[in-house]
Amino acid sequence: MRSQCPDCGKLYPVTKKQLRAPKTQVYCTQCKKKFIVAEILVEKTAKTAEANAFNQKKK
């Protein structure tokens, strides 16, 4: 499972420990936006490939 930055779409791996704390926040290393990990979760599927393509277009 991964979390996705709501601003730029960069994906980050999520651990079970991070999901246990519902308000765990991270800073996106790409756009510097702060977001809650559990708010935008992405499974490793075709959607992940779409998100990766989105990230490549933004660079």
PDB file of N, CA and C in Angstrom:
ATOM      1  N   MET A   1       0.838  -1.171   0.000  1.00  0.00           N
ATOM      2  CA  MET A   1       0.000   0.000   0.000  1.00  0.00           C
ATOM      3  C   MET A   1       0.887   1.239   0.000  1.00  0.00           C
ATOM      4  N   ARG A   2       0.399   2.266  -0.652  1.00  0.00           N
ATOM      5  CA  ARG A   2       1.137   3.521  -0.740  1.00  0.00           C
ATOM      6  C   ARG A   2       0.211   4.693  -0.458  1.00  0.00           C
ATOM      7  N   SER A   3       0.819   5.797  -0.068  1.00  0.00           N
ATOM      8  CA  SER A   3       0.091   7.045   0.118  1.00  0.00           C
ATOM      9  C   SER A   3       0.544   7.987  -0.989  1.00  0.00           C
ATOM     10  N   GLN A   4      -0.372   8.859  -1.406  1.00  0.00           N
ATOM     11  CA  GLN A   4      -0.065   9.752  -2.517  1.00  0.00           C
ATOM     12  C   GLN A   4      -0.236  11.204  -2.102  1.00  0.00           C
ATOM     13  N   CYS A   5       0.732  12.016  -2.428  1.00  0.00           N
ATOM     14  CA  CYS A   5       0.648  13.444  -2.132  1.00  0.00           C
ATOM     15  C   CYS A   5      -0.533  14.033  -2.900  1.00  0.00           C
ATOM     16  N   PRO A   6      -1.428  14.738  -2.216  1.00  0.00           N
ATOM     17  CA  PRO A   6      -2.596  15.299  -2.890  1.00  0.00           C
ATOM     18  C   PRO A   6      -2.253  16.465  -3.814  1.00  0.00           C
ATOM     19  N   ASP A   7      -1.067  17.027  -3.667  1.00  0.00           N
ATOM     20  CA  ASP A   7      -0.702  18.186  -4.477  1.00  0.00           C
ATOM     21  C   ASP A   7       0.008  17.783  -5.770  1.00  0.00           C
ATOM     22  N   CYS A   8       1.051  16.967  -5.665  1.00  0.00           N
ATOM     23  CA  CYS A   8       1.842  16.645  -6.854  1.00  0.00           C
ATOM     24  C   CYS A   8       1.682  15.198  -7.325  1.00  0.00           C
ATOM     25  N   GLY A   9       1.106  14.325  -6.492  1.00  0.00           N
ATOM     26  CA  GLY A   9       0.864  12.945  -6.901  1.00  0.00           C
ATOM     27  C   GLY A   9       1.987  11.971  -6.602  1.00  0.00           C
ATOM     28  N   LYS A  10       3.072  12.423  -5.975  1.00  0.00           N
ATOM     29  CA  LYS A  10       4.190  11.524  -5.652  1.00  0.00           C
ATOM     30  C   LYS A  10       3.711  10.432  -4.694  1.00  0.00           C
ATOM     31  N   LEU A  11       4.166   9.205  -4.932  1.00  0.00           N
ATOM     32  CA  LEU A  11       3.762   8.060  -4.117  1.00  0.00           C
ATOM     33  C   LEU A  11       4.809   7.741  -3.056  1.00  0.00           C
ATOM     34  N   TYR A  12       4.329   7.323  -1.878  1.00  0.00           N
ATOM     35  CA  TYR A  12       5.194   6.947  -0.770  1.00  0.00           C
ATOM     36  C   TYR A  12       4.726   5.618  -0.190  1.00  0.00           C
ATOM     37  N   PRO A  13       5.650   4.699   0.128  1.00  0.00           N
ATOM     38  CA  PRO A  13       5.252   3.456   0.781  1.00  0.00           C
ATOM     39  C   PRO A  13       4.695   3.738   2.175  1.00  0.00           C
ATOM     40  N   VAL A  14       3.700   2.956   2.571  1.00  0.00           N
ATOM     41  CA  VAL A  14       3.055   3.132   3.876  1.00  0.00           C
ATOM     42  C   VAL A  14       3.223   1.855   4.684  1.00  0.00           C
ATOM     43  N   THR A  15       3.624   2.005   5.941  1.00  0.00           N
ATOM     44  CA  THR A  15       3.740   0.851   6.833  1.00  0.00           C
ATOM     45  C   THR A  15       2.472   0.704   7.664  1.00  0.00           C
ATOM     46  N   LYS A  16       2.277  -0.486   8.213  1.00  0.00           N
ATOM     47  CA  LYS A  16       1.121  -0.723   9.081  1.00  0.00           C
ATOM     48  C   LYS A  16       1.180   0.187  10.300  1.00  0.00           C
ATOM     49  N   LYS A  17       2.375   0.440  10.785  1.00  0.00           N
ATOM     50  CA  LYS A  17       2.551   1.314  11.954  1.00  0.00           C
ATOM     51  C   LYS A  17       2.037   2.719  11.651  1.00  0.00           C
ATOM     52  N   GLN A  18       2.317   3.222  10.451  1.00  0.00           N
ATOM     53  CA  GLN A  18       1.844   4.555  10.080  1.00  0.00           C
ATOM     54  C   GLN A  18       0.316   4.609  10.004  1.00  0.00           C
ATOM     55  N   LEU A  19      -0.306   3.508   9.583  1.00  0.00           N
ATOM     56  CA  LEU A  19      -1.764   3.484   9.457  1.00  0.00           C
ATOM     57  C   LEU A  19      -2.461   3.356  10.806  1.00  0.00           C
ATOM     58  N   ARG A  20      -1.782   2.809  11.792  1.00  0.00           N
ATOM     59  CA  ARG A  20      -2.385   2.669  13.131  1.00  0.00           C
ATOM     60  C   ARG A  20      -2.643   4.030  13.763  1.00  0.00           C
ATOM     61  N   ALA A  21      -1.780   4.976  13.494  1.00  0.00           N
ATOM     62  CA  ALA A  21      -1.962   6.338  14.005  1.00  0.00           C
ATOM     63  C   ALA A  21      -2.680   7.133  12.908  1.00  0.00           C
ATOM     64  N   PRO A  22      -3.969   7.411  13.075  1.00  0.00           N
ATOM     65  CA  PRO A  22      -4.770   7.995  11.994  1.00  0.00           C
ATOM     66  C   PRO A  22      -4.346   9.392  11.542  1.00  0.00           C
ATOM     67  N   LYS A  23      -3.565  10.088  12.316  1.00  0.00           N
ATOM     68  CA  LYS A  23      -3.172  11.459  11.957  1.00  0.00           C
ATOM     69  C   LYS A  23      -1.682  11.583  11.600  1.00  0.00           C
ATOM     70  N   THR A  24      -1.051  10.464  11.238  1.00  0.00           N
ATOM     71  CA  THR A  24       0.362  10.508  10.867  1.00  0.00           C
ATOM     72  C   THR A  24       0.538  11.398   9.650  1.00  0.00           C
ATOM     73  N   GLN A  25       1.398  12.398   9.772  1.00  0.00           N
ATOM     74  CA  GLN A  25       1.637  13.329   8.669  1.00  0.00           C
ATOM     75  C   GLN A  25       3.052  13.174   8.130  1.00  0.00           C
ATOM     76  N   VAL A  26       3.187  13.438   6.839  1.00  0.00           N
ATOM     77  CA  VAL A  26       4.492  13.427   6.203  1.00  0.00           C
ATOM     78  C   VAL A  26       4.632  14.667   5.327  1.00  0.00           C
ATOM     79  N   TYR A  27       5.876  15.003   5.032  1.00  0.00           N
ATOM     80  CA  TYR A  27       6.161  16.080   4.085  1.00  0.00           C
ATOM     81  C   TYR A  27       6.549  15.446   2.763  1.00  0.00           C
ATOM     82  N   CYS A  28       5.993  15.939   1.692  1.00  0.00           N
ATOM     83  CA  CYS A  28       6.347  15.461   0.366  1.00  0.00           C
ATOM     84  C   CYS A  28       7.730  16.022   0.025  1.00  0.00           C
ATOM     85  N   THR A  29       8.615  15.158  -0.394  1.00  0.00           N
ATOM     86  CA  THR A  29       9.961  15.605  -0.744  1.00  0.00           C
ATOM     87  C   THR A  29       9.997  16.324  -2.089  1.00  0.00           C
ATOM     88  N   GLN A  30       8.950  16.155  -2.871  1.00  0.00           N
ATOM     89  CA  GLN A  30       8.906  16.790  -4.186  1.00  0.00           C
ATOM     90  C   GLN A  30       8.328  18.206  -4.131  1.00  0.00           C
ATOM     91  N   CYS A  31       7.171  18.383  -3.474  1.00  0.00           N
ATOM     92  CA  CYS A  31       6.525  19.704  -3.478  1.00  0.00           C
ATOM     93  C   CYS A  31       6.491  20.363  -2.100  1.00  0.00           C
ATOM     94  N   LYS A  32       6.949  19.639  -1.075  1.00  0.00           N
ATOM     95  CA  LYS A  32       7.042  20.141   0.301  1.00  0.00           C
ATOM     96  C   LYS A  32       5.689  20.313   0.997  1.00  0.00           C
ATOM     97  N   LYS A  33       4.614  19.759   0.434  1.00  0.00           N
ATOM     98  CA  LYS A  33       3.301  19.831   1.066  1.00  0.00           C
ATOM     99  C   LYS A  33       3.218  18.809   2.200  1.00  0.00           C
ATOM    100  N   LYS A  34       2.585  19.177   3.286  1.00  0.00           N
ATOM    101  CA  LYS A  34       2.371  18.297   4.426  1.00  0.00           C
ATOM    102  C   LYS A  34       0.988  17.657   4.269  1.00  0.00           C
ATOM    103  N   PHE A  35       0.905  16.325   4.441  1.00  0.00           N
ATOM    104  CA  PHE A  35      -0.394  15.661   4.316  1.00  0.00           C
ATOM    105  C   PHE A  35      -0.494  14.460   5.242  1.00  0.00           C
ATOM    106  N   ILE A  36      -1.712  14.047   5.514  1.00  0.00           N
ATOM    107  CA  ILE A  36      -1.981  12.901   6.387  1.00  0.00           C
ATOM    108  C   ILE A  36      -1.908  11.628   5.551  1.00  0.00           C
ATOM    109  N   VAL A  37      -1.058  10.705   5.962  1.00  0.00           N
ATOM    110  CA  VAL A  37      -0.780   9.480   5.210  1.00  0.00           C
ATOM    111  C   VAL A  37      -2.048   8.692   4.903  1.00  0.00           C
ATOM    112  N   ALA A  38      -2.929   8.519   5.861  1.00  0.00           N
ATOM    113  CA  ALA A  38      -4.097   7.660   5.693  1.00  0.00           C
ATOM    114  C   ALA A  38      -5.197   8.275   4.826  1.00  0.00           C
ATOM    115  N   GLU A  39      -5.095   9.549   4.466  1.00  0.00           N
ATOM    116  CA  GLU A  39      -6.163  10.178   3.685  1.00  0.00           C
ATOM    117  C   GLU A  39      -6.176   9.741   2.227  1.00  0.00           C
ATOM    118  N   ILE A  40      -5.009   9.508   1.644  1.00  0.00           N
ATOM    119  CA  ILE A  40      -4.960   9.124   0.234  1.00  0.00           C
ATOM    120  C   ILE A  40      -4.108   7.869   0.104  1.00  0.00           C
ATOM    121  N   LEU A  41      -4.784   6.721   0.102  1.00  0.00           N
ATOM    122  CA  LEU A  41      -4.094   5.445  -0.016  1.00  0.00           C
ATOM    123  C   LEU A  41      -4.299   4.886  -1.413  1.00  0.00           C
ATOM    124  N   VAL A  42      -3.237   4.309  -1.964  1.00  0.00           N
ATOM    125  CA  VAL A  42      -3.270   3.754  -3.307  1.00  0.00           C
ATOM    126  C   VAL A  42      -2.749   2.327  -3.229  1.00  0.00           C
ATOM    127  N   GLU A  43      -3.502   1.396  -3.817  1.00  0.00           N
ATOM    128  CA  GLU A  43      -3.034   0.014  -3.862  1.00  0.00           C
ATOM    129  C   GLU A  43      -2.093  -0.156  -5.046  1.00  0.00           C
ATOM    130  N   LYS A  44      -1.259  -1.173  -4.987  1.00  0.00           N
ATOM    131  CA  LYS A  44      -0.334  -1.452  -6.092  1.00  0.00           C
ATOM    132  C   LYS A  44      -1.116  -2.139  -7.210  1.00  0.00           C
ATOM    133  N   THR A  45      -1.704  -1.341  -8.085  1.00  0.00           N
ATOM    134  CA  THR A  45      -2.501  -1.837  -9.210  1.00  0.00           C
ATOM    135  C   THR A  45      -2.222  -0.973 -10.420  1.00  0.00           C
ATOM    136  N   ALA A  46      -3.120  -1.016 -11.359  1.00  0.00           N
ATOM    137  CA  ALA A  46      -2.998  -0.164 -12.544  1.00  0.00           C
ATOM    138  C   ALA A  46      -3.037   1.305 -12.146  1.00  0.00           C
ATOM    139  N   LYS A  47      -3.762   1.634 -11.073  1.00  0.00           N
ATOM    140  CA  LYS A  47      -3.822   3.015 -10.618  1.00  0.00           C
ATOM    141  C   LYS A  47      -2.444   3.515 -10.214  1.00  0.00           C
ATOM    142  N   THR A  48      -1.635   2.640  -9.651  1.00  0.00           N
ATOM    143  CA  THR A  48      -0.278   3.016  -9.278  1.00  0.00           C
ATOM    144  C   THR A  48       0.514   3.374 -10.530  1.00  0.00           C
ATOM    145  N   ALA A  49       0.350   2.617 -11.586  1.00  0.00           N
ATOM    146  CA  ALA A  49       1.043   2.911 -12.843  1.00  0.00           C
ATOM    147  C   ALA A  49       0.583   4.253 -13.399  1.00  0.00           C
ATOM    148  N   GLU A  50      -0.727   4.534 -13.290  1.00  0.00           N
ATOM    149  CA  GLU A  50      -1.251   5.821 -13.747  1.00  0.00           C
ATOM    150  C   GLU A  50      -0.654   6.965 -12.931  1.00  0.00           C
ATOM    151  N   ALA A  51      -0.550   6.777 -11.627  1.00  0.00           N
ATOM    152  CA  ALA A  51       0.004   7.813 -10.761  1.00  0.00           C
ATOM    153  C   ALA A  51       1.478   8.046 -11.092  1.00  0.00           C
ATOM    154  N   ASN A  52       2.206   6.982 -11.383  1.00  0.00           N
ATOM    155  CA  ASN A  52       3.613   7.133 -11.750  1.00  0.00           C
ATOM    156  C   ASN A  52       3.748   7.920 -13.050  1.00  0.00           C
ATOM    157  N   ALA A  53       2.865   7.650 -13.999  1.00  0.00           N
ATOM    158  CA  ALA A  53       2.889   8.392 -15.263  1.00  0.00           C
ATOM    159  C   ALA A  53       2.581   9.865 -15.012  1.00  0.00           C
ATOM    160  N   PHE A  54       1.639  10.122 -14.101  1.00  0.00           N
ATOM    161  CA  PHE A  54       1.288  11.496 -13.735  1.00  0.00           C
ATOM    162  C   PHE A  54       2.504  12.204 -13.154  1.00  0.00           C
ATOM    163  N   ASN A  55       3.235  11.533 -12.273  1.00  0.00           N
ATOM    164  CA  ASN A  55       4.428  12.120 -11.659  1.00  0.00           C
ATOM    165  C   ASN A  55       5.477  12.452 -12.713  1.00  0.00           C
ATOM    166  N   GLN A  56       5.650  11.596 -13.684  1.00  0.00           N
ATOM    167  CA  GLN A  56       6.655  11.820 -14.721  1.00  0.00           C
ATOM    168  C   GLN A  56       6.302  13.040 -15.573  1.00  0.00           C
ATOM    169  N   LYS A  57       5.023  13.250 -15.839  1.00  0.00           N
ATOM    170  CA  LYS A  57       4.591  14.385 -16.648  1.00  0.00           C
ATOM    171  C   LYS A  57       4.821  15.711 -15.922  1.00  0.00           C
ATOM    172  N   LYS A  58       4.738  15.706 -14.591  1.00  0.00           N
ATOM    173  CA  LYS A  58       4.879  16.934 -13.813  1.00  0.00           C
ATOM    174  C   LYS A  58       6.328  17.393 -13.722  1.00  0.00           C
ATOM    175  N   LYS A  59       7.286  16.502 -13.991  1.00  0.00           N
ATOM    176  CA  LYS A  59       8.712  16.847 -13.830  1.00  0.00           C
ATOM    177  C   LYS A  59       9.179  17.729 -14.950  1.00  0.00           C
TER     178      LYS A  59
END
